N, C-alpha and C. Protein backbone atom coordinates (compact mmCIF):
# COMPACT_ATOMS: atom_id res chain seq x y z
N UNK A 1 12.14 -17.62 3.16
CA UNK A 1 11.07 -17.46 2.19
C UNK A 1 10.45 -16.07 2.34
N UNK A 2 10.00 -15.56 1.22
CA UNK A 2 9.36 -14.26 1.17
C UNK A 2 7.93 -14.41 0.69
N UNK A 3 7.09 -13.49 1.09
CA UNK A 3 5.70 -13.43 0.66
C UNK A 3 5.54 -12.21 -0.23
N UNK A 4 4.91 -12.37 -1.37
CA UNK A 4 4.62 -11.24 -2.25
C UNK A 4 3.36 -10.56 -1.72
N UNK A 5 3.47 -9.27 -1.48
CA UNK A 5 2.33 -8.48 -1.03
C UNK A 5 2.13 -7.36 -2.05
N UNK A 6 0.92 -7.23 -2.56
CA UNK A 6 0.58 -6.16 -3.49
C UNK A 6 -0.19 -5.10 -2.70
N UNK A 7 0.37 -3.90 -2.65
CA UNK A 7 -0.25 -2.81 -1.91
C UNK A 7 -0.92 -1.85 -2.89
N UNK A 8 -2.13 -1.47 -2.61
CA UNK A 8 -2.84 -0.46 -3.39
C UNK A 8 -2.88 0.79 -2.52
N UNK A 9 -2.24 1.84 -3.00
CA UNK A 9 -2.11 3.06 -2.20
C UNK A 9 -2.69 4.26 -2.94
N UNK A 10 -3.05 5.26 -2.16
CA UNK A 10 -3.54 6.52 -2.69
C UNK A 10 -2.35 7.32 -3.23
N UNK A 11 -2.60 8.07 -4.29
CA UNK A 11 -1.53 8.92 -4.83
C UNK A 11 -1.13 10.01 -3.84
N UNK A 12 -1.94 10.23 -2.82
CA UNK A 12 -1.62 11.20 -1.78
C UNK A 12 -0.58 10.67 -0.80
N UNK A 13 -0.26 9.37 -0.90
CA UNK A 13 0.74 8.73 -0.04
C UNK A 13 1.98 8.49 -0.89
N UNK A 14 3.13 8.96 -0.43
CA UNK A 14 4.36 8.76 -1.19
C UNK A 14 4.70 7.27 -1.23
N UNK A 15 5.41 6.82 -2.27
CA UNK A 15 5.79 5.41 -2.36
C UNK A 15 6.56 4.91 -1.12
N UNK A 16 7.37 5.76 -0.52
CA UNK A 16 8.11 5.37 0.68
C UNK A 16 7.15 5.10 1.84
N UNK A 17 6.10 5.92 1.93
CA UNK A 17 5.13 5.78 3.02
C UNK A 17 4.04 4.75 2.74
N UNK A 18 4.00 4.22 1.53
CA UNK A 18 3.02 3.19 1.18
C UNK A 18 3.47 1.87 1.80
N UNK A 19 2.87 1.53 2.92
CA UNK A 19 3.17 0.30 3.65
C UNK A 19 1.87 -0.44 3.90
N UNK A 20 1.96 -1.64 4.46
CA UNK A 20 0.76 -2.44 4.69
C UNK A 20 -0.23 -1.71 5.60
N UNK A 21 0.27 -0.90 6.52
CA UNK A 21 -0.60 -0.18 7.44
C UNK A 21 -1.29 1.01 6.80
N UNK A 22 -0.70 1.59 5.75
CA UNK A 22 -1.26 2.80 5.13
C UNK A 22 -1.94 2.53 3.80
N UNK A 23 -1.87 1.31 3.30
CA UNK A 23 -2.45 0.97 2.00
C UNK A 23 -3.97 0.94 2.07
N UNK A 24 -4.60 1.26 0.94
CA UNK A 24 -6.05 1.15 0.83
C UNK A 24 -6.47 -0.31 0.78
N UNK A 25 -5.64 -1.14 0.17
CA UNK A 25 -5.91 -2.57 0.04
C UNK A 25 -4.59 -3.32 0.02
N UNK A 26 -4.57 -4.50 0.58
CA UNK A 26 -3.38 -5.35 0.58
C UNK A 26 -3.79 -6.71 0.06
N UNK A 27 -3.13 -7.16 -1.01
CA UNK A 27 -3.41 -8.46 -1.62
C UNK A 27 -2.20 -9.35 -1.38
N UNK A 28 -2.45 -10.48 -0.77
CA UNK A 28 -1.38 -11.43 -0.49
C UNK A 28 -1.15 -12.32 -1.71
N UNK A 29 0.09 -12.36 -2.17
CA UNK A 29 0.45 -13.20 -3.32
C UNK A 29 1.14 -14.47 -2.86
N UNK A 30 1.73 -15.18 -3.78
CA UNK A 30 2.39 -16.44 -3.45
C UNK A 30 3.72 -16.22 -2.72
N UNK A 31 4.24 -17.30 -2.18
CA UNK A 31 5.55 -17.27 -1.54
C UNK A 31 6.62 -17.47 -2.60
N UNK A 32 7.80 -16.95 -2.32
CA UNK A 32 8.92 -17.06 -3.26
C UNK A 32 10.22 -17.19 -2.47
N UNK A 33 11.25 -17.66 -3.13
CA UNK A 33 12.51 -17.97 -2.45
C UNK A 33 13.47 -16.79 -2.32
N UNK A 34 13.39 -15.80 -3.22
CA UNK A 34 14.37 -14.71 -3.19
C UNK A 34 13.72 -13.38 -3.52
N UNK A 35 14.42 -12.31 -3.21
CA UNK A 35 13.92 -10.96 -3.50
C UNK A 35 13.78 -10.74 -5.01
N UNK A 36 14.69 -11.28 -5.78
CA UNK A 36 14.61 -11.11 -7.24
C UNK A 36 13.38 -11.81 -7.79
N UNK A 37 13.15 -13.06 -7.38
CA UNK A 37 11.98 -13.77 -7.88
C UNK A 37 10.70 -13.14 -7.34
N UNK A 38 10.74 -12.56 -6.15
CA UNK A 38 9.57 -11.87 -5.60
C UNK A 38 9.20 -10.68 -6.48
N UNK A 39 10.18 -9.88 -6.84
CA UNK A 39 9.91 -8.73 -7.70
C UNK A 39 9.39 -9.12 -9.07
N UNK A 40 10.00 -10.13 -9.65
CA UNK A 40 9.58 -10.56 -11.00
C UNK A 40 8.20 -11.22 -10.96
N UNK A 41 7.97 -12.08 -9.98
CA UNK A 41 6.67 -12.74 -9.88
C UNK A 41 5.58 -11.74 -9.50
N UNK A 42 5.93 -10.76 -8.67
CA UNK A 42 4.97 -9.71 -8.32
C UNK A 42 4.54 -8.91 -9.53
N UNK A 43 5.49 -8.56 -10.39
CA UNK A 43 5.17 -7.83 -11.62
C UNK A 43 4.30 -8.68 -12.53
N UNK A 44 4.62 -9.96 -12.65
CA UNK A 44 3.83 -10.86 -13.50
C UNK A 44 2.42 -11.01 -12.94
N UNK A 45 2.30 -11.08 -11.62
CA UNK A 45 0.99 -11.19 -10.99
C UNK A 45 0.13 -9.97 -11.28
N UNK A 46 0.72 -8.79 -11.15
CA UNK A 46 -0.01 -7.56 -11.45
C UNK A 46 -0.42 -7.51 -12.92
N UNK A 47 0.50 -7.87 -13.81
CA UNK A 47 0.22 -7.80 -15.25
C UNK A 47 -0.86 -8.78 -15.69
N UNK A 48 -0.96 -9.91 -15.01
CA UNK A 48 -1.91 -10.94 -15.44
C UNK A 48 -3.27 -10.83 -14.77
N UNK A 49 -3.47 -9.83 -13.94
CA UNK A 49 -4.75 -9.68 -13.23
C UNK A 49 -5.26 -8.26 -13.41
N UNK A 50 -6.35 -7.98 -12.75
CA UNK A 50 -6.93 -6.63 -12.82
C UNK A 50 -6.33 -5.69 -11.79
N UNK A 51 -5.31 -6.11 -11.04
CA UNK A 51 -4.69 -5.24 -10.04
C UNK A 51 -4.16 -3.96 -10.66
N UNK A 52 -3.65 -4.05 -11.89
CA UNK A 52 -3.03 -2.88 -12.53
C UNK A 52 -4.09 -1.84 -12.92
N UNK A 53 -5.33 -2.25 -13.09
CA UNK A 53 -6.40 -1.32 -13.49
C UNK A 53 -7.10 -0.80 -12.24
N UNK A 54 -6.45 0.11 -11.57
CA UNK A 54 -7.01 0.68 -10.35
C UNK A 54 -7.80 1.95 -10.69
N UNK A 55 -8.53 2.41 -9.75
CA UNK A 55 -9.28 3.66 -9.92
C UNK A 55 -8.32 4.85 -10.00
N UNK A 56 -8.77 5.95 -10.58
CA UNK A 56 -7.93 7.14 -10.59
C UNK A 56 -7.56 7.52 -9.16
N UNK A 57 -6.33 7.94 -8.97
CA UNK A 57 -5.89 8.33 -7.64
C UNK A 57 -5.29 7.20 -6.84
N UNK A 58 -5.08 6.03 -7.48
CA UNK A 58 -4.48 4.89 -6.80
C UNK A 58 -3.30 4.36 -7.62
N UNK A 59 -2.37 3.71 -6.94
CA UNK A 59 -1.27 3.01 -7.62
C UNK A 59 -0.97 1.73 -6.85
N UNK A 60 -0.27 0.82 -7.51
CA UNK A 60 0.09 -0.45 -6.86
C UNK A 60 1.59 -0.48 -6.59
N UNK A 61 1.94 -1.19 -5.54
CA UNK A 61 3.33 -1.33 -5.14
C UNK A 61 3.55 -2.78 -4.73
N UNK A 62 4.67 -3.36 -5.15
CA UNK A 62 5.03 -4.72 -4.76
C UNK A 62 5.92 -4.63 -3.52
N UNK A 63 5.57 -5.41 -2.51
CA UNK A 63 6.38 -5.48 -1.30
C UNK A 63 6.74 -6.94 -1.06
N UNK A 64 8.01 -7.19 -0.88
CA UNK A 64 8.49 -8.54 -0.59
C UNK A 64 8.75 -8.61 0.91
N UNK A 65 7.97 -9.42 1.59
CA UNK A 65 7.96 -9.44 3.04
C UNK A 65 8.31 -10.83 3.55
N UNK A 66 9.07 -10.88 4.64
CA UNK A 66 9.35 -12.16 5.27
C UNK A 66 8.03 -12.75 5.76
N UNK A 67 7.90 -14.06 5.72
CA UNK A 67 6.64 -14.72 6.03
C UNK A 67 6.06 -14.32 7.38
N UNK A 68 6.88 -14.20 8.40
CA UNK A 68 6.40 -13.85 9.74
C UNK A 68 5.72 -12.49 9.73
N UNK A 69 6.33 -11.51 9.07
CA UNK A 69 5.77 -10.17 8.99
C UNK A 69 4.47 -10.18 8.18
N UNK A 70 4.42 -10.96 7.11
CA UNK A 70 3.22 -11.05 6.27
C UNK A 70 2.07 -11.66 7.06
N UNK A 71 2.33 -12.69 7.84
CA UNK A 71 1.26 -13.33 8.64
C UNK A 71 0.73 -12.38 9.70
N UNK A 72 1.61 -11.60 10.32
CA UNK A 72 1.19 -10.63 11.33
C UNK A 72 0.30 -9.58 10.70
N UNK A 73 0.66 -9.09 9.52
CA UNK A 73 -0.11 -8.06 8.82
C UNK A 73 -1.48 -8.58 8.41
N UNK A 74 -1.58 -9.85 8.03
CA UNK A 74 -2.84 -10.42 7.60
C UNK A 74 -3.83 -10.55 8.75
N UNK A 75 -3.34 -10.62 9.99
CA UNK A 75 -4.22 -10.74 11.15
C UNK A 75 -4.81 -9.41 11.56
N UNK A 76 -4.24 -8.31 11.08
CA UNK A 76 -4.71 -6.97 11.46
C UNK A 76 -6.03 -6.68 10.78
């Protein structure tokens, strides 16, 4: 199982370097069974909420993370 994680990053951080540790905000989404459904559900989640309307200088990134890694990141 995978966990959908929505990362809000500064435009000063490259997309490759935008990780849970460097993000301005991390939003935990629902669990999903595959990487494909994670990407599609993550896009739908962003489109249906205010996540896409970020302040200037920010962007959002979808990260599909194994549940163990997602739980560890949430404790930080």
